[in-house]
């Protein structure tokens, strides 16, 4: 599995699977715009196990290099529950980024 494909899978898992809500809770408790390492956001190591299952060779690189931040959604009122979750990986000669719109009320 390529690094890019695994990054897409993991970023989708973070915002889409209930078992990873603690990662989002921890991220959203930090100040907006503050970049956090994925490994530090995953206290249960559930994502670490998933990365290993997806790809034993590539999984550790994702865990060590993927960073996340959040920011309020720029087109929503300030009290809106919608925010943007930003993903960034900049190692191994690869610059990869993605974002997801997330409703904080779903936590």
PDB file of N, CA and C in Angstrom:
ATOM      1  N   UNK A   1       0.849  -1.176   0.000  1.00  0.00           N
ATOM      2  CA  UNK A   1       0.000   0.000   0.000  1.00  0.00           C
ATOM      3  C   UNK A   1       0.893   1.238   0.000  1.00  0.00           C
ATOM      4  N   UNK A   2       0.528   2.223  -0.813  1.00  0.00           N
ATOM      5  CA  UNK A   2       1.338   3.440  -0.876  1.00  0.00           C
ATOM      6  C   UNK A   2       1.079   4.323   0.348  1.00  0.00           C
ATOM      7  N   UNK A   3       2.049   5.173   0.609  1.00  0.00           N
ATOM      8  CA  UNK A   3       1.940   6.116   1.723  1.00  0.00           C
ATOM      9  C   UNK A   3       0.735   7.033   1.540  1.00  0.00           C
ATOM     10  N   UNK A   4       0.512   7.527   0.324  1.00  0.00           N
ATOM     11  CA  UNK A   4      -0.611   8.425   0.060  1.00  0.00           C
ATOM     12  C   UNK A   4      -1.954   7.752   0.341  1.00  0.00           C
ATOM     13  N   UNK A   5      -2.094   6.497  -0.070  1.00  0.00           N
ATOM     14  CA  UNK A   5      -3.346   5.771   0.167  1.00  0.00           C
ATOM     15  C   UNK A   5      -3.565   5.576   1.664  1.00  0.00           C
ATOM     16  N   UNK A   6      -2.515   5.218   2.384  1.00  0.00           N
ATOM     17  CA  UNK A   6      -2.659   5.023   3.829  1.00  0.00           C
ATOM     18  C   UNK A   6      -2.998   6.332   4.537  1.00  0.00           C
ATOM     19  N   UNK A   7      -2.417   7.440   4.102  1.00  0.00           N
ATOM     20  CA  UNK A   7      -2.758   8.742   4.682  1.00  0.00           C
ATOM     21  C   UNK A   7      -4.238   9.053   4.464  1.00  0.00           C
ATOM     22  N   UNK A   8      -4.752   8.771   3.286  1.00  0.00           N
ATOM     23  CA  UNK A   8      -6.184   8.987   3.010  1.00  0.00           C
ATOM     24  C   UNK A   8      -7.052   8.110   3.903  1.00  0.00           C
ATOM     25  N   UNK A   9      -6.685   6.843   4.049  1.00  0.00           N
ATOM     26  CA  UNK A   9      -7.460   5.928   4.893  1.00  0.00           C
ATOM     27  C   UNK A   9      -7.486   6.392   6.346  1.00  0.00           C
ATOM     28  N   UNK A  10      -6.329   6.737   6.868  1.00  0.00           N
ATOM     29  CA  UNK A  10      -6.237   7.140   8.276  1.00  0.00           C
ATOM     30  C   UNK A  10      -6.980   8.446   8.519  1.00  0.00           C
ATOM     31  N   UNK A  11      -6.835   9.418   7.629  1.00  0.00           N
ATOM     32  CA  UNK A  11      -7.541  10.687   7.831  1.00  0.00           C
ATOM     33  C   UNK A  11      -9.054  10.461   7.779  1.00  0.00           C
ATOM     34  N   UNK A  12      -9.511   9.603   6.883  1.00  0.00           N
ATOM     35  CA  UNK A  12     -10.936   9.274   6.834  1.00  0.00           C
ATOM     36  C   UNK A  12     -11.404   8.554   8.087  1.00  0.00           C
ATOM     37  N   UNK A  13     -10.572   7.657   8.605  1.00  0.00           N
ATOM     38  CA  UNK A  13     -10.918   6.940   9.840  1.00  0.00           C
ATOM     39  C   UNK A  13     -11.044   7.902  11.019  1.00  0.00           C
ATOM     40  N   UNK A  14     -10.139   8.869  11.102  1.00  0.00           N
ATOM     41  CA  UNK A  14     -10.152   9.813  12.232  1.00  0.00           C
ATOM     42  C   UNK A  14     -11.476  10.572  12.297  1.00  0.00           C
ATOM     43  N   UNK A  15     -11.941  11.074  11.174  1.00  0.00           N
ATOM     44  CA  UNK A  15     -13.168  11.881  11.196  1.00  0.00           C
ATOM     45  C   UNK A  15     -14.437  11.055  11.032  1.00  0.00           C
ATOM     46  N   UNK A  16     -14.320   9.814  10.579  1.00  0.00           N
ATOM     47  CA  UNK A  16     -15.517   9.052  10.262  1.00  0.00           C
ATOM     48  C   UNK A  16     -15.878   7.912  11.184  1.00  0.00           C
ATOM     49  N   UNK A  17     -14.991   7.502  12.064  1.00  0.00           N
ATOM     50  CA  UNK A  17     -15.268   6.331  12.887  1.00  0.00           C
ATOM     51  C   UNK A  17     -15.399   6.711  14.356  1.00  0.00           C
ATOM     52  N   UNK A  18     -16.472   6.261  14.960  1.00  0.00           N
ATOM     53  CA  UNK A  18     -16.746   6.597  16.364  1.00  0.00           C
ATOM     54  C   UNK A  18     -15.637   6.142  17.301  1.00  0.00           C
ATOM     55  N   UNK A  19     -14.966   5.048  16.963  1.00  0.00           N
ATOM     56  CA  UNK A  19     -13.921   4.547  17.865  1.00  0.00           C
ATOM     57  C   UNK A  19     -12.720   5.497  17.950  1.00  0.00           C
ATOM     58  N   UNK A  20     -12.655   6.485  17.070  1.00  0.00           N
ATOM     59  CA  UNK A  20     -11.555   7.446  17.110  1.00  0.00           C
ATOM     60  C   UNK A  20     -12.001   8.821  17.618  1.00  0.00           C
ATOM     61  N   UNK A  21     -13.148   8.879  18.269  1.00  0.00           N
ATOM     62  CA  UNK A  21     -13.641  10.160  18.770  1.00  0.00           C
ATOM     63  C   UNK A  21     -12.706  10.784  19.804  1.00  0.00           C
ATOM     64  N   UNK A  22     -12.008   9.960  20.559  1.00  0.00           N
ATOM     65  CA  UNK A  22     -11.092  10.512  21.564  1.00  0.00           C
ATOM     66  C   UNK A  22      -9.969  11.309  20.907  1.00  0.00           C
ATOM     67  N   UNK A  23      -9.532  10.879  19.729  1.00  0.00           N
ATOM     68  CA  UNK A  23      -8.516  11.631  18.978  1.00  0.00           C
ATOM     69  C   UNK A  23      -9.052  13.025  18.662  1.00  0.00           C
ATOM     70  N   UNK A  24     -10.300  13.090  18.179  1.00  0.00           N
ATOM     71  CA  UNK A  24     -10.891  14.388  17.841  1.00  0.00           C
ATOM     72  C   UNK A  24     -11.158  15.226  19.087  1.00  0.00           C
ATOM     73  N   UNK A  25     -11.615  14.598  20.164  1.00  0.00           N
ATOM     74  CA  UNK A  25     -11.833  15.356  21.411  1.00  0.00           C
ATOM     75  C   UNK A  25     -10.536  16.012  21.874  1.00  0.00           C
ATOM     76  N   UNK A  26      -9.460  15.239  21.839  1.00  0.00           N
ATOM     77  CA  UNK A  26      -8.165  15.775  22.268  1.00  0.00           C
ATOM     78  C   UNK A  26      -7.720  16.899  21.340  1.00  0.00           C
ATOM     79  N   UNK A  27      -7.865  16.692  20.038  1.00  0.00           N
ATOM     80  CA  UNK A  27      -7.499  17.735  19.074  1.00  0.00           C
ATOM     81  C   UNK A  27      -8.318  18.998  19.300  1.00  0.00           C
ATOM     82  N   UNK A  28      -9.623  18.857  19.432  1.00  0.00           N
ATOM     83  CA  UNK A  28     -10.502  20.024  19.566  1.00  0.00           C
ATOM     84  C   UNK A  28     -10.377  20.712  20.922  1.00  0.00           C
ATOM     85  N   UNK A  29      -9.750  20.071  21.893  1.00  0.00           N
ATOM     86  CA  UNK A  29      -9.512  20.726  23.183  1.00  0.00           C
ATOM     87  C   UNK A  29      -8.268  21.614  23.135  1.00  0.00           C
ATOM     88  N   UNK A  30      -7.477  21.482  22.085  1.00  0.00           N
ATOM     89  CA  UNK A  30      -6.305  22.348  21.925  1.00  0.00           C
ATOM     90  C   UNK A  30      -6.727  23.620  21.197  1.00  0.00           C
ATOM     91  N   UNK A  31      -5.914  24.661  21.277  1.00  0.00           N
ATOM     92  CA  UNK A  31      -6.266  25.907  20.591  1.00  0.00           C
ATOM     93  C   UNK A  31      -6.371  25.714  19.078  1.00  0.00           C
ATOM     94  N   UNK A  32      -7.285  26.439  18.468  1.00  0.00           N
ATOM     95  CA  UNK A  32      -7.434  26.392  17.012  1.00  0.00           C
ATOM     96  C   UNK A  32      -6.112  26.785  16.359  1.00  0.00           C
ATOM     97  N   UNK A  33      -5.753  26.064  15.297  1.00  0.00           N
ATOM     98  CA  UNK A  33      -4.546  26.365  14.557  1.00  0.00           C
ATOM     99  C   UNK A  33      -3.279  25.733  15.111  1.00  0.00           C
ATOM    100  N   UNK A  34      -3.362  25.069  16.236  1.00  0.00           N
ATOM    101  CA  UNK A  34      -2.187  24.427  16.831  1.00  0.00           C
ATOM    102  C   UNK A  34      -2.011  23.029  16.243  1.00  0.00           C
ATOM    103  N   UNK A  35      -0.868  22.781  15.630  1.00  0.00           N
ATOM    104  CA  UNK A  35      -0.598  21.474  15.015  1.00  0.00           C
ATOM    105  C   UNK A  35      -0.215  20.466  16.080  1.00  0.00           C
ATOM    106  N   UNK A  36      -0.810  19.275  15.967  1.00  0.00           N
ATOM    107  CA  UNK A  36      -0.560  18.188  16.930  1.00  0.00           C
ATOM    108  C   UNK A  36      -0.148  16.931  16.185  1.00  0.00           C
ATOM    109  N   UNK A  37       0.798  16.194  16.729  1.00  0.00           N
ATOM    110  CA  UNK A  37       1.219  14.922  16.151  1.00  0.00           C
ATOM    111  C   UNK A  37       0.144  13.876  16.390  1.00  0.00           C
ATOM    112  N   UNK A  38      -0.128  13.080  15.372  1.00  0.00           N
ATOM    113  CA  UNK A  38      -1.152  12.044  15.487  1.00  0.00           C
ATOM    114  C   UNK A  38      -0.868  11.113  16.654  1.00  0.00           C
ATOM    115  N   UNK A  39       0.366  10.698  16.819  1.00  0.00           N
ATOM    116  CA  UNK A  39       0.696   9.759  17.889  1.00  0.00           C
ATOM    117  C   UNK A  39       0.297  10.312  19.259  1.00  0.00           C
ATOM    118  N   UNK A  40       0.453  11.596  19.468  1.00  0.00           N
ATOM    119  CA  UNK A  40       0.098  12.195  20.769  1.00  0.00           C
ATOM    120  C   UNK A  40      -1.404  12.359  20.950  1.00  0.00           C
ATOM    121  N   UNK A  41      -2.141  12.317  19.855  1.00  0.00           N
ATOM    122  CA  UNK A  41      -3.602  12.425  19.936  1.00  0.00           C
ATOM    123  C   UNK A  41      -4.280  11.075  20.136  1.00  0.00           C
ATOM    124  N   UNK A  42      -3.515  10.003  20.086  1.00  0.00           N
ATOM    125  CA  UNK A  42      -4.053   8.646  20.095  1.00  0.00           C
ATOM    126  C   UNK A  42      -3.635   7.918  21.377  1.00  0.00           C
ATOM    127  N   UNK A  43      -4.246   8.267  22.523  1.00  0.00           N
ATOM    128  CA  UNK A  43      -3.803   7.682  23.797  1.00  0.00           C
ATOM    129  C   UNK A  43      -4.048   6.171  23.906  1.00  0.00           C
ATOM    130  N   UNK A  44      -5.003   5.660  23.159  1.00  0.00           N
ATOM    131  CA  UNK A  44      -5.314   4.226  23.241  1.00  0.00           C
ATOM    132  C   UNK A  44      -4.506   3.407  22.253  1.00  0.00           C
ATOM    133  N   UNK A  45      -3.771   4.061  21.366  1.00  0.00           N
ATOM    134  CA  UNK A  45      -3.012   3.402  20.294  1.00  0.00           C
ATOM    135  C   UNK A  45      -3.900   2.638  19.323  1.00  0.00           C
ATOM    136  N   UNK A  46      -5.181   2.976  19.263  1.00  0.00           N
ATOM    137  CA  UNK A  46      -6.092   2.316  18.324  1.00  0.00           C
ATOM    138  C   UNK A  46      -5.694   2.610  16.883  1.00  0.00           C
ATOM    139  N   UNK A  47      -5.327   3.851  16.602  1.00  0.00           N
ATOM    140  CA  UNK A  47      -4.888   4.184  15.250  1.00  0.00           C
ATOM    141  C   UNK A  47      -3.548   3.544  14.916  1.00  0.00           C
ATOM    142  N   UNK A  48      -2.694   3.409  15.906  1.00  0.00           N
ATOM    143  CA  UNK A  48      -1.418   2.735  15.669  1.00  0.00           C
ATOM    144  C   UNK A  48      -1.656   1.301  15.227  1.00  0.00           C
ATOM    145  N   UNK A  49      -2.575   0.628  15.885  1.00  0.00           N
ATOM    146  CA  UNK A  49      -2.898  -0.747  15.509  1.00  0.00           C
ATOM    147  C   UNK A  49      -3.501  -0.801  14.106  1.00  0.00           C
ATOM    148  N   UNK A  50      -4.378   0.139  13.785  1.00  0.00           N
ATOM    149  CA  UNK A  50      -4.976   0.167  12.447  1.00  0.00           C
ATOM    150  C   UNK A  50      -3.927   0.410  11.372  1.00  0.00           C
ATOM    151  N   UNK A  51      -3.009   1.327  11.631  1.00  0.00           N
ATOM    152  CA  UNK A  51      -1.950   1.598  10.653  1.00  0.00           C
ATOM    153  C   UNK A  51      -1.109   0.348  10.420  1.00  0.00           C
ATOM    154  N   UNK A  52      -0.798  -0.365  11.479  1.00  0.00           N
ATOM    155  CA  UNK A  52      -0.034  -1.607  11.344  1.00  0.00           C
ATOM    156  C   UNK A  52      -0.818  -2.641  10.551  1.00  0.00           C
ATOM    157  N   UNK A  53      -2.134  -2.721  10.794  1.00  0.00           N
ATOM    158  CA  UNK A  53      -2.963  -3.678  10.063  1.00  0.00           C
ATOM    159  C   UNK A  53      -3.068  -3.312   8.588  1.00  0.00           C
ATOM    160  N   UNK A  54      -3.199  -2.016   8.305  1.00  0.00           N
ATOM    161  CA  UNK A  54      -3.280  -1.580   6.908  1.00  0.00           C
ATOM    162  C   UNK A  54      -1.983  -1.901   6.171  1.00  0.00           C
ATOM    163  N   UNK A  55      -0.856  -1.564   6.802  1.00  0.00           N
ATOM    164  CA  UNK A  55       0.440  -1.753   6.146  1.00  0.00           C
ATOM    165  C   UNK A  55       1.560  -1.754   7.187  1.00  0.00           C
ATOM    166  N   UNK A  56       2.106  -2.939   7.506  1.00  0.00           N
ATOM    167  CA  UNK A  56       3.191  -2.995   8.493  1.00  0.00           C
ATOM    168  C   UNK A  56       4.418  -2.177   8.092  1.00  0.00           C
ATOM    169  N   UNK A  57       4.631  -2.022   6.782  1.00  0.00           N
ATOM    170  CA  UNK A  57       5.804  -1.275   6.316  1.00  0.00           C
ATOM    171  C   UNK A  57       5.601   0.235   6.360  1.00  0.00           C
ATOM    172  N   UNK A  58       4.423   0.681   5.958  1.00  0.00           N
ATOM    173  CA  UNK A  58       4.167   2.112   5.811  1.00  0.00           C
ATOM    174  C   UNK A  58       3.504   2.705   7.052  1.00  0.00           C
ATOM    175  N   UNK A  59       2.775   1.907   7.798  1.00  0.00           N
ATOM    176  CA  UNK A  59       2.035   2.400   8.964  1.00  0.00           C
ATOM    177  C   UNK A  59       2.845   3.230   9.943  1.00  0.00           C
ATOM    178  N   UNK A  60       4.037   2.769  10.350  1.00  0.00           N
ATOM    179  CA  UNK A  60       4.827   3.568  11.295  1.00  0.00           C
ATOM    180  C   UNK A  60       5.200   4.949  10.758  1.00  0.00           C
ATOM    181  N   UNK A  61       5.405   5.078   9.452  1.00  0.00           N
ATOM    182  CA  UNK A  61       5.728   6.388   8.872  1.00  0.00           C
ATOM    183  C   UNK A  61       4.559   7.352   9.021  1.00  0.00           C
ATOM    184  N   UNK A  62       3.345   6.854   8.854  1.00  0.00           N
ATOM    185  CA  UNK A  62       2.158   7.697   9.028  1.00  0.00           C
ATOM    186  C   UNK A  62       2.067   8.167  10.473  1.00  0.00           C
ATOM    187  N   UNK A  63       2.250   7.247  11.405  1.00  0.00           N
ATOM    188  CA  UNK A  63       2.148   7.593  12.824  1.00  0.00           C
ATOM    189  C   UNK A  63       3.165   8.634  13.240  1.00  0.00           C
ATOM    190  N   UNK A  64       4.351   8.561  12.671  1.00  0.00           N
ATOM    191  CA  UNK A  64       5.413   9.489  13.052  1.00  0.00           C
ATOM    192  C   UNK A  64       5.330  10.828  12.350  1.00  0.00           C
ATOM    193  N   UNK A  65       4.648  10.884  11.191  1.00  0.00           N
ATOM    194  CA  UNK A  65       4.697  12.109  10.409  1.00  0.00           C
ATOM    195  C   UNK A  65       3.406  12.869  10.229  1.00  0.00           C
ATOM    196  N   UNK A  66       2.254  12.244  10.500  1.00  0.00           N
ATOM    197  CA  UNK A  66       0.977  12.922  10.266  1.00  0.00           C
ATOM    198  C   UNK A  66       0.677  13.885  11.403  1.00  0.00           C
ATOM    199  N   UNK A  67       0.339  15.116  11.022  1.00  0.00           N
ATOM    200  CA  UNK A  67      -0.008  16.148  12.003  1.00  0.00           C
ATOM    201  C   UNK A  67      -1.403  16.658  11.700  1.00  0.00           C
ATOM    202  N   UNK A  68      -2.117  17.051  12.753  1.00  0.00           N
ATOM    203  CA  UNK A  68      -3.491  17.530  12.619  1.00  0.00           C
ATOM    204  C   UNK A  68      -3.639  18.869  13.325  1.00  0.00           C
ATOM    205  N   UNK A  69      -4.551  19.673  12.808  1.00  0.00           N
ATOM    206  CA  UNK A  69      -4.949  20.931  13.444  1.00  0.00           C
ATOM    207  C   UNK A  69      -6.420  21.136  13.118  1.00  0.00           C
ATOM    208  N   UNK A  70      -7.035  22.064  13.802  1.00  0.00           N
ATOM    209  CA  UNK A  70      -8.419  22.405  13.492  1.00  0.00           C
ATOM    210  C   UNK A  70      -8.551  23.923  13.482  1.00  0.00           C
ATOM    211  N   UNK A  71      -9.572  24.373  12.796  1.00  0.00           N
ATOM    212  CA  UNK A  71      -9.862  25.799  12.746  1.00  0.00           C
ATOM    213  C   UNK A  71     -11.369  25.963  12.587  1.00  0.00           C
ATOM    214  N   UNK A  72     -11.939  27.042  13.097  1.00  0.00           N
ATOM    215  CA  UNK A  72     -13.364  27.264  12.855  1.00  0.00           C
ATOM    216  C   UNK A  72     -13.632  27.339  11.350  1.00  0.00           C
ATOM    217  N   UNK A  73     -14.800  26.910  10.947  1.00  0.00           N
ATOM    218  CA  UNK A  73     -15.161  26.974   9.527  1.00  0.00           C
ATOM    219  C   UNK A  73     -15.268  28.444   9.133  1.00  0.00           C
ATOM    220  N   UNK A  74     -14.558  28.869   8.089  1.00  0.00           N
ATOM    221  CA  UNK A  74     -14.519  30.297   7.755  1.00  0.00           C
ATOM    222  C   UNK A  74     -15.840  30.864   7.229  1.00  0.00           C
ATOM    223  N   UNK A  75     -16.738  30.012   6.742  1.00  0.00           N
ATOM    224  CA  UNK A  75     -17.995  30.500   6.178  1.00  0.00           C
ATOM    225  C   UNK A  75     -19.187  30.284   7.094  1.00  0.00           C
ATOM    226  N   UNK A  76     -18.935  29.979   8.346  1.00  0.00           N
ATOM    227  CA  UNK A  76     -19.998  29.726   9.315  1.00  0.00           C
ATOM    228  C   UNK A  76     -19.955  30.800  10.405  1.00  0.00           C
ATOM    229  N   UNK A  77     -21.090  31.030  11.081  1.00  0.00           N
ATOM    230  CA  UNK A  77     -21.081  31.971  12.217  1.00  0.00           C
ATOM    231  C   UNK A  77     -20.140  31.470  13.320  1.00  0.00           C
ATOM    232  N   UNK A  78     -19.705  32.367  14.161  1.00  0.00           N
ATOM    233  CA  UNK A  78     -18.722  31.999  15.189  1.00  0.00           C
ATOM    234  C   UNK A  78     -19.239  30.947  16.164  1.00  0.00           C
ATOM    235  N   UNK A  79     -20.548  30.845  16.344  1.00  0.00           N
ATOM    236  CA  UNK A  79     -21.083  29.840  17.271  1.00  0.00           C
ATOM    237  C   UNK A  79     -21.460  28.531  16.568  1.00  0.00           C
ATOM    238  N   UNK A  80     -21.094  28.383  15.329  1.00  0.00           N
ATOM    239  CA  UNK A  80     -21.407  27.176  14.559  1.00  0.00           C
ATOM    240  C   UNK A  80     -20.596  25.987  15.078  1.00  0.00           C
ATOM    241  N   UNK A  81     -21.170  24.803  15.079  1.00  0.00           N
ATOM    242  CA  UNK A  81     -20.406  23.617  15.494  1.00  0.00           C
ATOM    243  C   UNK A  81     -19.466  23.111  14.403  1.00  0.00           C
ATOM    244  N   UNK A  82     -19.572  23.667  13.198  1.00  0.00           N
ATOM    245  CA  UNK A  82     -18.748  23.177  12.094  1.00  0.00           C
ATOM    246  C   UNK A  82     -17.346  23.763  12.139  1.00  0.00           C
ATOM    247  N   UNK A  83     -16.380  22.892  11.909  1.00  0.00           N
ATOM    248  CA  UNK A  83     -14.981  23.316  11.865  1.00  0.00           C
ATOM    249  C   UNK A  83     -14.282  22.543  10.763  1.00  0.00           C
ATOM    250  N   UNK A  84     -13.058  22.930  10.493  1.00  0.00           N
ATOM    251  CA  UNK A  84     -12.224  22.227   9.527  1.00  0.00           C
ATOM    252  C   UNK A  84     -11.145  21.463  10.287  1.00  0.00           C
ATOM    253  N   UNK A  85     -10.966  20.197   9.939  1.00  0.00           N
ATOM    254  CA  UNK A  85      -9.871  19.394  10.466  1.00  0.00           C
ATOM    255  C   UNK A  85      -8.824  19.331   9.357  1.00  0.00           C
ATOM    256  N   UNK A  86      -7.618  19.769   9.672  1.00  0.00           N
ATOM    257  CA  UNK A  86      -6.538  19.838   8.691  1.00  0.00           C
ATOM    258  C   UNK A  86      -5.539  18.711   8.956  1.00  0.00           C
ATOM    259  N   UNK A  87      -5.106  18.062   7.901  1.00  0.00           N
ATOM    260  CA  UNK A  87      -4.134  16.980   7.970  1.00  0.00           C
ATOM    261  C   UNK A  87      -2.925  17.379   7.141  1.00  0.00           C
ATOM    262  N   UNK A  88      -1.719  17.116   7.674  1.00  0.00           N
ATOM    263  CA  UNK A  88      -0.507  17.453   6.942  1.00  0.00           C
ATOM    264  C   UNK A  88       0.564  16.393   7.193  1.00  0.00           C
ATOM    265  N   UNK A  89       1.212  15.986   6.111  1.00  0.00           N
ATOM    266  CA  UNK A  89       2.362  15.086   6.181  1.00  0.00           C
ATOM    267  C   UNK A  89       3.447  15.681   5.308  1.00  0.00           C
ATOM    268  N   UNK A  90       4.627  15.882   5.861  1.00  0.00           N
ATOM    269  CA  UNK A  90       5.718  16.494   5.107  1.00  0.00           C
ATOM    270  C   UNK A  90       7.050  15.822   5.361  1.00  0.00           C
ATOM    271  N   UNK A  91       7.119  14.536   5.070  1.00  0.00           N
ATOM    272  CA  UNK A  91       8.350  13.766   5.267  1.00  0.00           C
ATOM    273  C   UNK A  91       8.602  12.875   4.056  1.00  0.00           C
ATOM    274  N   UNK A  92       9.771  12.263   4.059  1.00  0.00           N
ATOM    275  CA  UNK A  92      10.100  11.250   3.053  1.00  0.00           C
ATOM    276  C   UNK A  92       9.941  11.777   1.625  1.00  0.00           C
ATOM    277  N   UNK A  93      10.182  13.069   1.429  1.00  0.00           N
ATOM    278  CA  UNK A  93      10.065  13.648   0.098  1.00  0.00           C
ATOM    279  C   UNK A  93       8.637  13.834  -0.377  1.00  0.00           C
ATOM    280  N   UNK A  94       7.681  13.693   0.522  1.00  0.00           N
ATOM    281  CA  UNK A  94       6.270  13.808   0.161  1.00  0.00           C
ATOM    282  C   UNK A  94       5.635  14.961   0.927  1.00  0.00           C
ATOM    283  N   UNK A  95       4.928  15.819   0.213  1.00  0.00           N
ATOM    284  CA  UNK A  95       4.099  16.848   0.841  1.00  0.00           C
ATOM    285  C   UNK A  95       2.654  16.444   0.552  1.00  0.00           C
ATOM    286  N   UNK A  96       1.912  16.101   1.591  1.00  0.00           N
ATOM    287  CA  UNK A  96       0.527  15.646   1.449  1.00  0.00           C
ATOM    288  C   UNK A  96      -0.327  16.415   2.449  1.00  0.00           C
ATOM    289  N   UNK A  97      -1.531  16.796   2.017  1.00  0.00           N
ATOM    290  CA  UNK A  97      -2.442  17.492   2.922  1.00  0.00           C
ATOM    291  C   UNK A  97      -3.875  17.179   2.529  1.00  0.00           C
ATOM    292  N   UNK A  98      -4.740  17.301   3.496  1.00  0.00           N
ATOM    293  CA  UNK A  98      -6.161  17.082   3.277  1.00  0.00           C
ATOM    294  C   UNK A  98      -6.915  17.867   4.336  1.00  0.00           C
ATOM    295  N   UNK A  99      -8.198  18.039   4.109  1.00  0.00           N
ATOM    296  CA  UNK A  99      -9.023  18.659   5.145  1.00  0.00           C
ATOM    297  C   UNK A  99     -10.401  18.018   5.125  1.00  0.00           C
ATOM    298  N   UNK A 100     -11.057  18.118   6.259  1.00  0.00           N
ATOM    299  CA  UNK A 100     -12.407  17.571   6.396  1.00  0.00           C
ATOM    300  C   UNK A 100     -13.249  18.590   7.142  1.00  0.00           C
ATOM    301  N   UNK A 101     -14.492  18.700   6.751  1.00  0.00           N
ATOM    302  CA  UNK A 101     -15.458  19.503   7.506  1.00  0.00           C
ATOM    303  C   UNK A 101     -16.030  18.590   8.582  1.00  0.00           C
ATOM    304  N   UNK A 102     -16.063  19.086   9.800  1.00  0.00           N
ATOM    305  CA  UNK A 102     -16.497  18.255  10.923  1.00  0.00           C
ATOM    306  C   UNK A 102     -17.498  19.013  11.783  1.00  0.00           C
ATOM    307  N   UNK A 103     -18.523  18.327  12.240  1.00  0.00           N
ATOM    308  CA  UNK A 103     -19.528  18.889  13.143  1.00  0.00           C
ATOM    309  C   UNK A 103     -19.159  18.483  14.566  1.00  0.00           C
ATOM    310  N   UNK A 104     -18.732  19.434  15.371  1.00  0.00           N
ATOM    311  CA  UNK A 104     -18.307  19.153  16.739  1.00  0.00           C
ATOM    312  C   UNK A 104     -19.441  18.634  17.607  1.00  0.00           C
ATOM    313  N   UNK A 105     -20.683  18.902  17.236  1.00  0.00           N
ATOM    314  CA  UNK A 105     -21.814  18.411  18.018  1.00  0.00           C
ATOM    315  C   UNK A 105     -21.977  16.900  17.922  1.00  0.00           C
ATOM    316  N   UNK A 106     -21.275  16.256  17.012  1.00  0.00           N
ATOM    317  CA  UNK A 106     -21.393  14.798  16.881  1.00  0.00           C
ATOM    318  C   UNK A 106     -20.533  14.057  17.888  1.00  0.00           C
ATOM    319  N   UNK A 107     -19.683  14.764  18.607  1.00  0.00           N
ATOM    320  CA  UNK A 107     -18.832  14.111  19.628  1.00  0.00           C
ATOM    321  C   UNK A 107     -19.607  13.871  20.897  1.00  0.00           C
TER     322      UNK A 107
END
